[in-house]
Protein backbone atom coordinates (compact mmCIF):
# COMPACT_ATOMS: atom_id res chain seq x y z
CA MET A 1 23.10 -33.09 -25.27
CA SER A 2 25.57 -30.77 -22.77
CA ARG A 3 25.91 -32.15 -19.44
CA LEU A 4 27.57 -30.12 -16.62
CA ARG A 5 28.23 -31.20 -12.80
CA ILE A 6 28.56 -28.81 -10.00
CA ALA A 7 30.25 -31.40 -7.58
CA GLY A 8 30.80 -31.39 -3.88
CA GLY A 9 29.59 -27.70 -2.90
CA HIS A 10 27.59 -26.56 0.13
CA LEU A 11 24.10 -26.78 -1.74
CA ILE A 12 21.81 -24.39 0.05
CA ASP A 13 18.28 -25.06 -1.55
CA PRO A 14 15.71 -24.15 0.59
CA THR A 15 12.63 -25.42 -1.44
CA HIS A 16 13.68 -28.99 -1.07
CA GLY A 17 15.07 -28.61 2.56
CA VAL A 18 18.96 -28.88 1.55
CA ASP A 19 21.72 -27.45 3.30
CA GLY A 20 24.79 -29.42 2.97
CA ILE A 21 27.26 -30.78 0.77
CA ALA A 22 25.51 -32.19 -2.79
CA ASP A 23 26.06 -32.40 -6.45
CA VAL A 24 24.03 -30.42 -8.87
CA TRP A 25 23.95 -32.12 -12.36
CA ILE A 26 22.38 -30.17 -15.15
CA GLU A 27 21.43 -31.40 -18.69
CA ASP A 28 20.48 -29.41 -21.38
CA GLY A 29 19.66 -26.49 -19.10
CA ARG A 30 17.36 -28.06 -16.84
CA VAL A 31 18.69 -29.72 -13.69
CA VAL A 32 18.25 -33.69 -13.35
CA GLU A 33 18.84 -36.34 -11.08
CA ALA A 34 22.24 -37.29 -10.29
CA PRO A 35 22.86 -40.36 -12.67
CA THR A 36 23.22 -43.91 -11.15
CA ASP A 37 25.32 -45.27 -14.06
CA PRO A 38 28.99 -44.83 -13.38
CA ASP A 39 30.12 -44.54 -16.99
CA ILE A 40 28.27 -41.46 -17.28
CA ARG A 41 30.56 -38.55 -17.44
CA ALA A 42 29.74 -34.64 -17.36
CA ASP A 43 30.94 -32.64 -20.18
CA ARG A 44 32.29 -30.17 -17.63
CA THR A 45 32.56 -30.80 -13.85
CA ILE A 46 33.17 -27.43 -11.55
CA ASP A 47 34.84 -28.63 -8.44
CA ALA A 48 32.50 -26.67 -5.60
CA ARG A 49 34.51 -28.02 -2.77
CA GLY A 50 34.57 -25.30 -0.25
CA PHE A 51 32.19 -23.05 -2.19
CA VAL A 52 28.54 -22.17 -1.71
CA VAL A 53 25.77 -23.04 -4.07
CA MET A 54 22.72 -21.32 -4.52
CA PRO A 55 19.99 -21.25 -6.89
CA ALA A 56 20.52 -18.12 -9.15
CA GLY A 57 18.91 -14.84 -7.91
CA VAL A 58 15.22 -13.77 -8.80
CA ASP A 59 14.11 -10.26 -8.45
CA VAL A 60 10.45 -9.60 -8.21
CA HIS A 61 10.16 -6.01 -8.35
CA CYS A 62 12.17 -3.66 -10.47
CA HIS A 63 12.19 -0.92 -13.27
CA ILE A 64 14.38 -1.88 -16.24
CA ALA A 65 12.81 -1.24 -19.14
CA GLY A 66 9.84 0.84 -20.71
CA PRO A 67 8.85 4.66 -21.29
CA LYS A 68 9.69 5.42 -17.50
CA VAL A 69 13.05 4.15 -17.79
CA ASN A 70 13.77 6.05 -21.28
CA SER A 71 12.53 9.26 -19.56
CA ALA A 72 14.73 8.93 -16.61
CA ARG A 73 17.85 8.30 -19.06
CA ILE A 74 16.63 11.38 -21.24
CA LEU A 75 16.63 13.37 -17.97
CA ARG A 76 19.66 12.39 -16.22
CA PRO A 77 22.30 12.59 -19.26
CA GLU A 78 25.04 13.28 -16.39
CA GLU A 79 24.68 9.93 -15.16
CA ALA A 80 26.19 8.67 -18.95
CA ARG A 81 29.25 10.82 -18.12
CA LEU A 82 29.77 8.94 -14.44
CA GLY A 83 31.37 6.23 -16.19
CA ALA A 84 31.29 3.16 -18.50
CA PHE A 85 30.40 -0.69 -17.61
CA PRO A 86 33.61 -2.20 -19.26
CA ARG A 87 33.71 -4.40 -22.37
CA SER A 88 34.47 -7.84 -21.11
CA LYS A 89 36.41 -10.45 -23.22
CA ALA A 90 33.51 -12.53 -24.01
CA ALA A 91 32.45 -12.11 -27.55
CA GLY A 92 29.85 -9.90 -28.44
CA SER A 93 30.23 -7.75 -25.47
CA ARG A 94 29.79 -4.11 -25.46
CA SER A 95 30.35 -0.96 -22.79
CA GLY A 96 27.24 0.59 -21.35
CA CYS A 97 26.79 3.43 -18.99
CA LEU A 98 26.64 2.99 -15.05
CA GLY A 99 24.73 5.28 -12.65
CA SER A 100 21.29 4.61 -11.20
CA VAL A 101 19.47 4.08 -14.54
CA PRO A 102 21.82 1.97 -16.81
CA THR A 103 21.85 0.93 -20.44
CA SER A 104 19.55 -2.30 -21.01
CA PHE A 105 22.85 -3.91 -21.91
CA SER A 106 24.56 -3.20 -18.77
CA THR A 107 21.50 -3.71 -16.84
CA GLY A 108 21.70 -7.72 -17.80
CA ALA A 109 25.47 -7.59 -17.15
CA LYS A 110 25.58 -6.16 -13.73
CA TYR A 111 22.29 -8.47 -12.64
CA ALA A 112 24.59 -11.45 -13.91
CA GLY A 113 27.84 -10.26 -12.16
CA LEU A 114 25.56 -10.30 -8.98
CA GLY A 115 24.44 -13.76 -9.54
CA TYR A 116 20.73 -13.13 -10.52
CA ALA A 117 19.44 -14.76 -13.65
CA THR A 118 15.85 -13.26 -13.46
CA ALA A 119 14.24 -9.67 -12.95
CA VAL A 120 10.71 -8.82 -13.54
CA ASP A 121 9.93 -5.05 -14.32
CA ALA A 122 6.79 -4.07 -12.35
CA ALA A 123 5.28 -1.28 -14.27
CA ILE A 124 4.70 -1.10 -18.04
CA ALA A 125 1.91 0.79 -19.27
CA PRO A 126 0.38 -1.23 -22.43
CA LEU A 127 1.38 1.31 -24.68
CA GLY A 128 4.84 0.95 -23.30
CA ALA A 129 4.84 -2.83 -23.91
CA ARG A 130 6.22 -2.79 -27.36
CA PRO A 131 9.37 -0.72 -26.84
CA ALA A 132 9.94 -2.84 -23.43
CA HIS A 133 10.30 -5.99 -25.51
CA HIS A 134 12.68 -4.28 -27.60
CA GLU A 135 14.75 -3.21 -25.00
CA PHE A 136 14.57 -6.73 -23.35
CA ARG A 137 15.59 -8.13 -26.47
CA ASP A 138 19.16 -6.16 -25.70
CA THR A 139 19.21 -6.88 -22.00
CA PRO A 140 21.41 -10.16 -22.16
CA ILE A 141 22.05 -13.09 -19.73
CA ILE A 142 19.01 -12.70 -17.44
CA ASP A 143 15.17 -13.88 -18.13
CA LYS A 144 13.18 -10.79 -18.10
CA ALA A 145 9.38 -10.38 -17.48
CA PHE A 146 7.11 -7.17 -17.07
CA LEU A 147 3.77 -6.53 -15.17
CA VAL A 148 1.12 -4.50 -17.12
CA LEU A 149 -0.39 -1.50 -15.44
CA LEU A 150 -4.05 -1.35 -15.16
CA GLY A 151 -5.17 0.59 -12.13
CA ASN A 152 -6.24 3.39 -13.69
CA ASN A 153 -6.85 2.14 -17.02
CA HIS A 154 -10.12 3.78 -18.54
CA TYR A 155 -11.76 0.67 -20.28
CA ALA A 156 -11.21 -1.42 -16.90
CA MET A 157 -12.70 1.58 -14.83
CA ASP A 158 -15.69 1.64 -17.37
CA ARG A 159 -16.35 -2.39 -16.58
CA ILE A 160 -15.94 -1.83 -12.82
CA ARG A 161 -18.67 1.28 -12.81
CA LEU A 162 -21.13 -0.77 -14.56
CA GLY A 163 -20.38 -4.23 -12.50
CA GLU A 164 -19.15 -6.01 -15.60
CA ARG A 165 -16.80 -8.76 -14.19
CA GLU A 166 -17.08 -11.07 -17.04
CA ARG A 167 -16.04 -8.38 -19.57
CA LEU A 168 -13.30 -7.12 -16.82
CA ARG A 169 -11.92 -10.62 -16.80
CA ALA A 170 -11.98 -11.07 -20.50
CA PHE A 171 -10.00 -7.41 -20.75
CA VAL A 172 -7.34 -8.38 -18.37
CA ALA A 173 -6.44 -11.68 -20.46
CA TRP A 174 -6.93 -10.03 -23.89
CA ILE A 175 -4.66 -7.20 -22.45
CA LEU A 176 -2.04 -9.77 -21.08
CA GLY A 177 -2.16 -11.67 -24.47
CA ALA A 178 -1.87 -8.28 -26.67
CA THR A 179 0.99 -7.06 -24.36
CA LYS A 180 2.84 -10.38 -23.86
CA GLY A 181 3.04 -9.39 -20.18
CA PHE A 182 3.30 -11.68 -17.56
CA GLY A 183 0.73 -10.01 -14.93
CA ILE A 184 -1.19 -7.21 -13.40
CA LYS A 185 0.20 -4.17 -11.84
CA VAL A 186 -2.18 -1.85 -9.88
CA VAL A 187 -0.66 1.68 -9.02
CA ASN A 188 -2.41 4.19 -6.91
CA PRO A 189 -5.89 2.88 -8.14
CA GLY A 190 -7.77 5.93 -9.52
CA GLY A 191 -5.64 8.08 -8.19
CA VAL A 192 -3.11 8.81 -11.10
CA GLU A 193 -6.12 9.51 -13.19
CA LYS A 194 -7.63 11.71 -11.04
CA TRP A 195 -4.46 13.32 -10.40
CA LYS A 196 -4.44 13.67 -14.35
CA GLN A 197 -7.55 15.38 -14.35
CA GLY A 198 -5.98 18.32 -12.34
CA GLU A 199 -8.09 17.21 -9.33
CA GLY A 200 -5.50 16.39 -7.15
CA ASN A 201 -4.79 12.91 -5.71
CA VAL A 202 -7.23 10.46 -3.95
CA ALA A 203 -6.37 10.17 -0.29
CA SER A 204 -8.78 7.58 1.07
CA LEU A 205 -10.19 3.97 -0.62
CA ASP A 206 -13.85 5.35 -0.75
CA GLU A 207 -12.71 8.70 -2.65
CA VAL A 208 -14.69 8.82 -6.09
CA VAL A 209 -12.61 9.22 -9.12
CA PRO A 210 -14.07 11.76 -11.13
CA HIS A 211 -15.87 11.07 -14.60
CA PHE A 212 -15.10 7.12 -14.13
CA GLU A 213 -17.37 7.09 -10.61
CA VAL A 214 -15.55 4.42 -9.17
CA THR A 215 -13.36 4.20 -5.83
CA PRO A 216 -9.83 3.07 -5.36
CA ARG A 217 -11.45 0.18 -3.28
CA GLN A 218 -13.35 -1.27 -6.12
CA ILE A 219 -10.64 -0.82 -8.50
CA LEU A 220 -8.09 -2.87 -6.42
CA THR A 221 -10.52 -5.61 -5.28
CA GLU A 222 -12.19 -6.21 -9.02
CA ILE A 223 -8.83 -6.22 -10.40
CA ALA A 224 -7.58 -8.93 -7.69
CA ARG A 225 -10.68 -10.98 -8.33
CA ALA A 226 -10.04 -11.11 -12.18
CA VAL A 227 -6.60 -11.91 -11.83
CA ASP A 228 -7.62 -14.81 -9.30
CA ASP A 229 -10.21 -15.86 -11.57
CA LEU A 230 -7.91 -16.44 -14.56
CA GLY A 231 -5.71 -18.23 -12.06
CA LEU A 232 -2.71 -15.92 -13.33
CA PRO A 233 0.77 -17.34 -11.77
CA HIS A 234 1.49 -14.19 -9.82
CA PRO A 235 -1.30 -12.33 -7.87
CA MET A 236 -2.21 -8.77 -8.42
CA HIS A 237 0.73 -6.59 -7.95
CA LEU A 238 -0.14 -3.69 -5.71
CA HIS A 239 1.37 0.15 -5.36
CA GLY A 240 -1.25 1.59 -2.88
CA LEU A 241 -2.50 4.76 -2.11
CA ASN A 242 -0.42 7.74 -0.41
CA LEU A 243 2.94 6.44 -0.95
CA GLY A 244 5.65 8.36 0.90
CA LEU A 245 3.27 10.22 3.05
CA PRO A 246 3.19 10.94 6.84
CA GLY A 247 0.39 9.02 7.89
CA ASN A 248 0.08 6.23 5.13
CA ALA A 249 0.26 3.12 7.60
CA SER A 250 -3.47 3.63 8.47
CA THR A 251 -4.76 3.31 4.52
CA THR A 252 -2.19 0.67 4.28
CA LEU A 253 -3.74 -1.55 6.72
CA GLU A 254 -7.15 -0.71 5.41
CA THR A 255 -5.99 -1.59 2.09
CA LEU A 256 -4.83 -5.25 3.40
CA ARG A 257 -7.93 -5.48 4.99
CA ALA A 258 -9.77 -4.80 1.65
CA LEU A 259 -7.86 -7.62 0.21
CA ASP A 260 -9.29 -10.41 2.39
CA GLY A 261 -10.00 -13.14 0.24
CA HIS A 262 -7.92 -12.30 -2.68
CA ARG A 263 -4.39 -12.97 -3.41
CA ALA A 264 -2.15 -10.05 -3.46
CA HIS A 265 1.60 -8.89 -3.57
CA LEU A 266 2.15 -5.63 -1.80
CA ALA A 267 5.27 -3.60 -3.55
CA HIS A 268 7.82 -1.62 -1.69
CA ILE A 269 5.82 -1.98 1.32
CA GLN A 270 8.46 0.18 3.44
CA PHE A 271 7.15 3.35 1.39
CA HIS A 272 3.56 2.65 2.58
CA SER A 273 4.38 2.10 6.33
CA TYR A 274 4.76 5.63 8.22
CA GLY A 275 3.06 7.04 11.01
CA GLY A 276 2.32 10.56 11.77
CA GLU A 277 0.13 13.39 10.12
CA PRO A 278 -0.42 13.88 6.49
CA GLY A 279 1.72 17.02 5.46
CA ASN A 280 3.74 16.96 8.57
CA LEU A 281 7.02 15.46 8.26
CA GLY A 282 8.12 16.34 11.96
CA GLN A 283 5.77 13.43 13.22
CA PHE A 284 7.28 11.13 10.87
CA ASP A 285 7.88 7.69 12.31
CA SER A 286 7.57 3.85 12.03
CA HIS A 287 4.46 1.66 11.91
CA ALA A 288 6.00 -1.26 10.49
CA GLY A 289 5.27 -3.05 13.51
CA PRO A 290 1.50 -3.32 13.09
CA LEU A 291 1.64 -3.94 9.34
CA ALA A 292 3.99 -6.81 9.72
CA ASP A 293 1.64 -8.41 12.36
CA TYR A 294 -1.29 -8.46 9.56
CA ILE A 295 1.05 -10.02 7.02
CA ASN A 296 2.20 -12.68 9.50
CA THR A 297 -1.21 -13.94 10.11
CA HIS A 298 -2.71 -13.64 6.39
CA PRO A 299 -0.98 -15.90 4.20
CA ASN A 300 -2.85 -14.62 1.03
CA LEU A 301 -0.67 -11.74 1.18
CA SER A 302 3.35 -11.15 0.23
CA VAL A 303 5.83 -7.98 -0.18
CA ASP A 304 8.73 -6.97 -0.94
CA VAL A 305 10.63 -4.40 1.02
CA GLY A 306 11.62 -1.24 -1.22
CA GLN A 307 14.67 -0.66 0.79
CA VAL A 308 16.00 2.68 1.02
CA MET A 309 19.77 2.95 0.75
CA PHE A 310 22.10 6.16 1.01
CA GLY A 311 23.33 7.67 -1.90
CA GLU A 312 22.18 9.40 -5.20
CA THR A 313 20.01 7.42 -7.17
CA THR A 314 16.72 8.26 -9.50
CA SER A 315 13.06 8.00 -8.51
CA MET A 316 10.75 6.64 -11.07
CA THR A 317 7.52 5.98 -10.37
CA ALA A 318 4.01 5.50 -12.49
CA ASP A 319 2.38 7.42 -9.62
CA GLY A 320 3.01 10.85 -11.26
CA ALA A 321 1.58 12.41 -8.18
CA VAL A 322 4.50 11.34 -6.24
CA GLY A 323 6.77 12.42 -8.60
CA GLN A 324 5.40 15.74 -8.59
CA PHE A 325 5.50 15.57 -4.61
CA LEU A 326 9.13 14.70 -4.72
CA HIS A 327 9.70 17.28 -7.09
CA LYS A 328 8.34 20.26 -5.03
CA VAL A 329 10.39 18.40 -1.70
CA ASN A 330 13.79 18.71 -3.27
CA GLY A 331 13.40 21.25 -5.87
CA ARG A 332 15.46 18.92 -8.54
CA LYS A 333 14.57 18.82 -12.18
CA TRP A 334 11.88 16.36 -12.85
CA VAL A 335 9.61 15.11 -15.96
CA SER A 336 6.27 13.81 -16.31
CA HIS A 337 5.67 11.11 -18.75
CA ASP A 338 1.97 10.53 -19.27
CA LEU A 339 0.31 7.93 -21.44
CA GLU A 340 -3.12 7.97 -22.77
CA MET A 341 -5.82 5.81 -21.04
CA GLU A 342 -3.60 4.60 -17.99
CA THR A 343 -0.89 6.26 -16.16
CA GLY A 344 1.37 9.18 -15.38
CA CYS A 345 5.29 8.85 -14.75
CA GLY A 346 7.05 10.86 -12.52
CA VAL A 347 10.93 10.81 -12.77
CA VAL A 348 13.01 12.99 -10.21
CA PRO A 349 16.81 12.74 -9.27
CA ILE A 350 16.63 12.30 -5.31
CA THR A 351 19.74 11.92 -2.89
CA TYR A 352 19.29 9.82 0.24
CA ASP A 353 21.11 11.36 3.17
CA ASP A 354 22.16 9.45 6.16
CA LYS A 355 21.98 12.98 8.04
CA ASN A 356 18.41 13.36 6.90
CA ALA A 357 16.05 12.21 9.65
CA VAL A 358 13.33 11.32 7.26
CA HIS A 359 15.82 9.31 4.89
CA ALA A 360 17.40 7.43 7.71
CA LEU A 361 14.01 6.62 9.11
CA GLN A 362 13.03 5.01 5.59
CA TRP A 363 16.11 2.81 6.03
CA ALA A 364 15.51 1.52 9.24
CA ILE A 365 11.99 0.86 8.14
CA GLY A 366 12.95 -1.16 5.23
CA LEU A 367 15.00 -3.33 7.57
CA GLU A 368 12.56 -3.46 10.01
CA TRP A 369 10.35 -5.32 7.78
CA TYR A 370 12.61 -8.30 6.89
CA LEU A 371 13.19 -8.63 10.75
CA ARG A 372 9.48 -8.35 11.83
CA VAL A 373 7.75 -11.00 9.01
CA ASP A 374 8.52 -14.38 10.54
CA ASP A 375 8.03 -16.20 7.43
CA PRO A 376 10.79 -15.29 5.32
CA TRP A 377 8.77 -17.02 2.36
CA ARG A 378 6.42 -13.95 2.49
CA ILE A 379 8.95 -11.47 1.78
CA ALA A 380 11.16 -10.49 -0.64
CA MET A 381 14.48 -8.38 -0.97
CA SER A 382 14.35 -5.44 -3.16
CA THR A 383 15.06 -1.76 -3.00
CA ASP A 384 12.37 -0.89 -5.90
CA HIS A 385 15.06 -0.49 -8.04
CA PRO A 386 16.37 2.56 -8.56
CA ASN A 387 13.77 3.96 -6.55
CA GLY A 388 15.35 2.92 -2.98
CA GLY A 389 18.80 2.50 -4.42
CA SER A 390 20.32 0.28 -6.94
CA PHE A 391 19.76 -3.32 -7.12
CA LEU A 392 23.48 -3.37 -6.54
CA ALA A 393 23.12 -2.58 -3.17
CA TYR A 394 21.51 -6.32 -1.91
CA PRO A 395 24.86 -7.44 -0.96
CA GLN A 396 24.95 -4.40 1.43
CA ILE A 397 21.44 -5.24 2.78
CA ILE A 398 22.27 -9.01 3.26
CA ALA A 399 25.40 -7.95 5.48
CA LEU A 400 23.03 -5.98 7.36
CA LEU A 401 20.40 -8.79 7.82
CA MET A 402 22.70 -11.26 8.57
CA ASP A 403 25.03 -9.12 11.09
CA ARG A 404 23.32 -7.44 13.93
CA GLY A 405 26.71 -5.87 15.11
CA TYR A 406 27.06 -4.41 12.04
CA ARG A 407 23.52 -3.29 11.90
CA ALA A 408 23.67 -1.79 15.41
CA ASP A 409 27.00 0.35 14.58
CA ALA A 410 25.18 1.50 11.27
CA LEU A 411 21.93 2.59 13.54
CA LYS A 412 24.20 4.22 15.76
CA ALA A 413 25.82 6.75 13.18
CA LEU A 414 22.34 8.15 12.42
CA PRO A 415 20.30 10.97 13.79
CA ASP A 416 18.88 10.10 17.18
CA ARG A 417 15.20 10.78 16.07
CA VAL A 418 15.72 7.52 14.03
CA ARG A 419 16.33 5.48 17.30
CA ALA A 420 13.58 6.98 19.08
CA ARG A 421 10.97 6.64 16.41
CA SER A 422 11.46 3.08 14.91
CA GLY A 423 11.84 -0.42 16.42
CA LEU A 424 15.11 -1.48 14.72
CA GLY A 425 17.15 -1.14 17.64
CA ASP A 426 15.09 -3.77 19.62
CA LEU A 427 15.35 -6.06 16.98
CA SER A 428 18.24 -8.74 17.51
CA ARG A 429 17.07 -11.27 14.52
CA GLU A 430 20.21 -12.40 12.11
CA TYR A 431 19.49 -13.99 8.96
CA SER A 432 21.00 -17.68 8.13
CA LEU A 433 22.20 -18.19 4.76
CA SER A 434 19.23 -20.25 4.02
CA GLU A 435 16.79 -17.46 4.65
CA ILE A 436 19.25 -15.12 2.54
CA ALA A 437 18.47 -18.08 -0.09
CA ILE A 438 14.61 -17.68 0.60
CA ILE A 439 14.27 -13.72 0.41
CA THR A 440 16.51 -13.29 -2.62
CA ARG A 441 15.64 -16.66 -4.78
CA ALA A 442 13.27 -19.16 -3.78
CA ALA A 443 10.50 -16.65 -2.22
CA PRO A 444 10.45 -14.60 -5.02
CA ALA A 445 10.35 -17.49 -7.64
CA ARG A 446 7.29 -18.85 -5.72
CA MET A 447 5.57 -15.49 -5.29
CA LEU A 448 5.67 -15.06 -9.14
CA GLY A 449 4.68 -18.72 -9.83
CA LEU A 450 7.71 -19.59 -11.40
CA ALA A 451 7.77 -23.19 -10.67
CA ASN A 452 11.03 -23.92 -12.27
CA LYS A 453 13.08 -20.97 -10.73
CA GLY A 454 14.60 -20.45 -7.25
CA HIS A 455 15.37 -24.19 -6.39
CA LEU A 456 17.57 -26.62 -8.06
CA GLY A 457 15.15 -30.00 -8.00
CA PRO A 458 15.13 -31.79 -10.94
CA GLY A 459 13.44 -29.75 -13.49
CA ALA A 460 14.32 -26.55 -12.60
CA ASP A 461 15.87 -24.10 -14.65
CA GLY A 462 19.80 -24.74 -14.73
CA ASP A 463 20.50 -21.52 -13.12
CA VAL A 464 22.94 -21.54 -10.37
CA THR A 465 25.30 -19.01 -8.26
CA ILE A 466 28.67 -20.11 -6.54
CA TYR A 467 29.98 -18.17 -4.01
CA SER A 468 33.35 -18.11 -1.96
CA PRO A 469 32.26 -18.14 1.63
CA ASP A 470 33.71 -15.12 3.37
CA ASP A 471 32.80 -13.83 6.91
CA ASP A 472 32.27 -10.34 5.06
CA LYS A 473 28.94 -11.21 3.70
CA GLU A 474 28.76 -7.71 1.67
CA ARG A 475 31.81 -9.01 -0.10
CA MET A 476 30.55 -12.65 -0.45
CA PHE A 477 27.47 -11.55 -2.25
CA ALA A 478 28.92 -8.91 -4.63
CA ILE A 479 31.37 -10.90 -6.05
CA PRO A 480 30.03 -14.53 -7.16
CA ARG A 481 32.68 -16.86 -8.27
CA TYR A 482 30.16 -18.35 -10.89
CA LEU A 483 27.01 -17.92 -12.72
CA ILE A 484 25.47 -20.76 -14.51
CA LYS A 485 22.84 -19.91 -16.71
CA GLY A 486 20.62 -22.31 -18.58
CA GLY A 487 23.50 -24.91 -17.64
CA GLU A 488 26.07 -22.41 -19.35
CA VAL A 489 28.95 -20.94 -17.42
CA VAL A 490 28.75 -17.27 -18.12
CA LEU A 491 30.25 -15.91 -14.99
CA ASP A 492 33.89 -17.72 -14.33
CA ASP A 493 36.28 -16.29 -11.72
CA GLY A 494 34.09 -12.93 -11.07
CA GLU A 495 34.39 -12.20 -15.06
CA LEU A 496 31.68 -12.41 -17.57
CA ARG A 497 32.78 -14.98 -19.87
CA ARG A 498 29.71 -15.45 -22.53
CA TRP A 499 26.63 -13.38 -23.11
CA ALA A 500 23.90 -15.94 -23.18
CA ASP A 501 20.57 -14.86 -24.51
CA GLY A 502 17.77 -14.85 -21.67
CA ARG A 503 13.94 -15.35 -22.15
CA THR A 504 11.29 -13.42 -22.04
CA LEU A 505 8.65 -14.93 -19.80
CA HIS A 506 4.96 -13.93 -20.40
CA VAL A 507 1.43 -15.70 -19.91
CA ALA A 508 -0.96 -16.51 -22.59
CA PRO A 509 -4.64 -16.84 -20.79
CA ASP A 510 -7.53 -17.84 -22.66
CA SER A 511 -9.46 -14.96 -24.04
CA ASP A 512 -13.11 -14.63 -25.06
CA PRO A 513 -13.12 -13.60 -28.64
CA SER A 514 -16.72 -12.48 -28.59
CA VAL A 515 -15.40 -9.31 -26.56
CA ASP A 516 -12.77 -8.42 -29.19
CA PRO A 517 -15.54 -6.25 -31.06
CA GLU A 518 -16.65 -4.24 -28.06
CA ILE A 519 -12.77 -3.62 -27.14
CA ALA A 520 -12.12 -2.68 -30.85
CA GLY A 521 -15.10 -0.30 -30.97
CA TRP A 522 -13.74 1.42 -27.74
CA PHE A 523 -10.24 1.79 -28.85
CA GLU A 524 -11.44 3.44 -32.25
CA ARG A 525 -13.75 5.79 -29.96
CA SER A 526 -11.14 6.43 -27.42
CA SER A 527 -7.43 5.61 -28.51
CA SER A 528 -4.95 7.05 -30.89
CA ILE A 529 -3.66 3.34 -31.58
CA ALA A 530 -5.96 1.48 -33.63
CA PHE A 531 -7.17 -1.93 -32.34
CA ALA A 532 -5.51 -3.84 -35.02
CA ASN A 533 -2.10 -2.01 -34.39
CA PHE A 534 -1.91 -2.52 -30.43
CA PRO A 535 -0.74 -6.14 -30.03
CA VAL A 536 2.49 -6.65 -29.84
CA GLN A 537 3.77 -9.52 -32.57
CA ALA A 538 5.31 -12.67 -31.73
CA GLU A 539 8.66 -11.96 -33.69
CA GLU A 540 8.99 -8.68 -31.52
CA VAL A 541 9.38 -10.76 -28.34
CA ALA A 542 13.03 -12.03 -28.10
CA ASN A 543 12.92 -16.04 -26.76
CA ALA A 544 9.65 -15.85 -25.66
CA HIS A 545 8.57 -18.66 -23.16
CA SER A 546 5.03 -18.81 -22.09
CA ILE A 547 4.43 -19.67 -18.02
CA PRO A 548 1.22 -22.02 -17.47
CA VAL A 549 -1.70 -20.26 -16.42
CA SER A 550 -4.14 -22.65 -13.96
CA GLY A 551 -7.19 -21.13 -15.19
CA GLY A 552 -6.71 -22.86 -18.53
CA GLY A 553 -4.49 -20.25 -20.27
CA LYS A 554 -2.29 -21.61 -23.21
CA THR A 555 1.11 -22.46 -22.95
CA SER A 556 4.21 -22.76 -25.32
């Protein structure tokens, strides 16, 4: 048995309403009650007096593995020449490239260096599951999971057209088990498939997808229903229609209304919150207010922001139509990585310029979302890494949220049009440390259904970040003093000391074996992959850990 005591720190644990001086005890990787027997001693005690103690960070939405990420690495060899993540003194460490698309190894190291212990890749095509798991094996320290793309899946759309809800639900359960995925992601439902057919994108929820004769409304509501019926810990994770286009806020509002009665998490909501007319960037403005008002009154919904940060990054999205659009707008090189049955992936370099009025408005709209959603438990921090910027920008976002003067100065430096067409300048709210802990830790964990993360009560994973308090909040959150992962100190005095092995989180819902022959027959008719070769084998999943499913799924 190993026992760690974190003594006398300023503990911020919003899940349990703690914001004061307290000890944290961890035994064999889990938080436990403080012992009442005075003879019980810790194997190690960290003197946290004068420090801020929080649960380790949880990223609900990022892109760190799979075909899209590797396509970006191939497209952008210049990033590998920008510099290297230095080898640390810890045994087993090695270097890795920097840039917007770091190596798998340096991704884990950089998350840990920021005080994060869990990250969820938000978009893996079913055929990309196996390589994603192999990349996860090479991503140290953090716990990982991925969401499986199904919004343009041929088998799923066939079941929806035929009204076969039970077979759709069985397929969702089967594909999660076969891929060892954590949840379901829907991207531009039906729109990617129409675009891949050369028919252009869909523009509305009720536009019919050629050949499959279903609508985006049907796809998103039926998959949301299947996810709810299976009792998956995380609701359907949705990237809606018309991402990044002027006037898309009206479609977003209609989408929110269509989800009435279903749980859903709206991804990178900033990119779906624009006023104006389609195709007219001159009318581009913020419609975050009405959308945030809707979120505030509908507890079935949660969002992450997708904050844009100024600088060079790489856009990568399972929405191939968006990739093509960005390529046409900025004229830079791009790649479309399409996979059969499900997705088109667009990868494009992009530079967000603070002198560009549209980019600056995107920055302002993201901050509006943080400040307009009343309940911080309903909104999670994200940059849609790396689409809006790197996750390494989180400390700067925290500083902008906690200091309205800093925010106002940043806004003044932007084009006049930004102040006229967004409501950011009228918002004086400042986040507290407790609210920051919610949007970066407690809320993402709750949204994901990870009962043992995002808090430091008994039974929680022993994932803890310790910060030196600092009036400069960007500096404070950029350089944690300690990161404890599973009860082991991996970051000490801001330096990585140990390369712990993170876990792969997945679900294992009960599936109906009677549907296997039908799915197998469909594979033989429609897929280049044999049914027997498709499922990821247990030995391919690094440190697998199954998360309970309320609908009767199996747990390990």
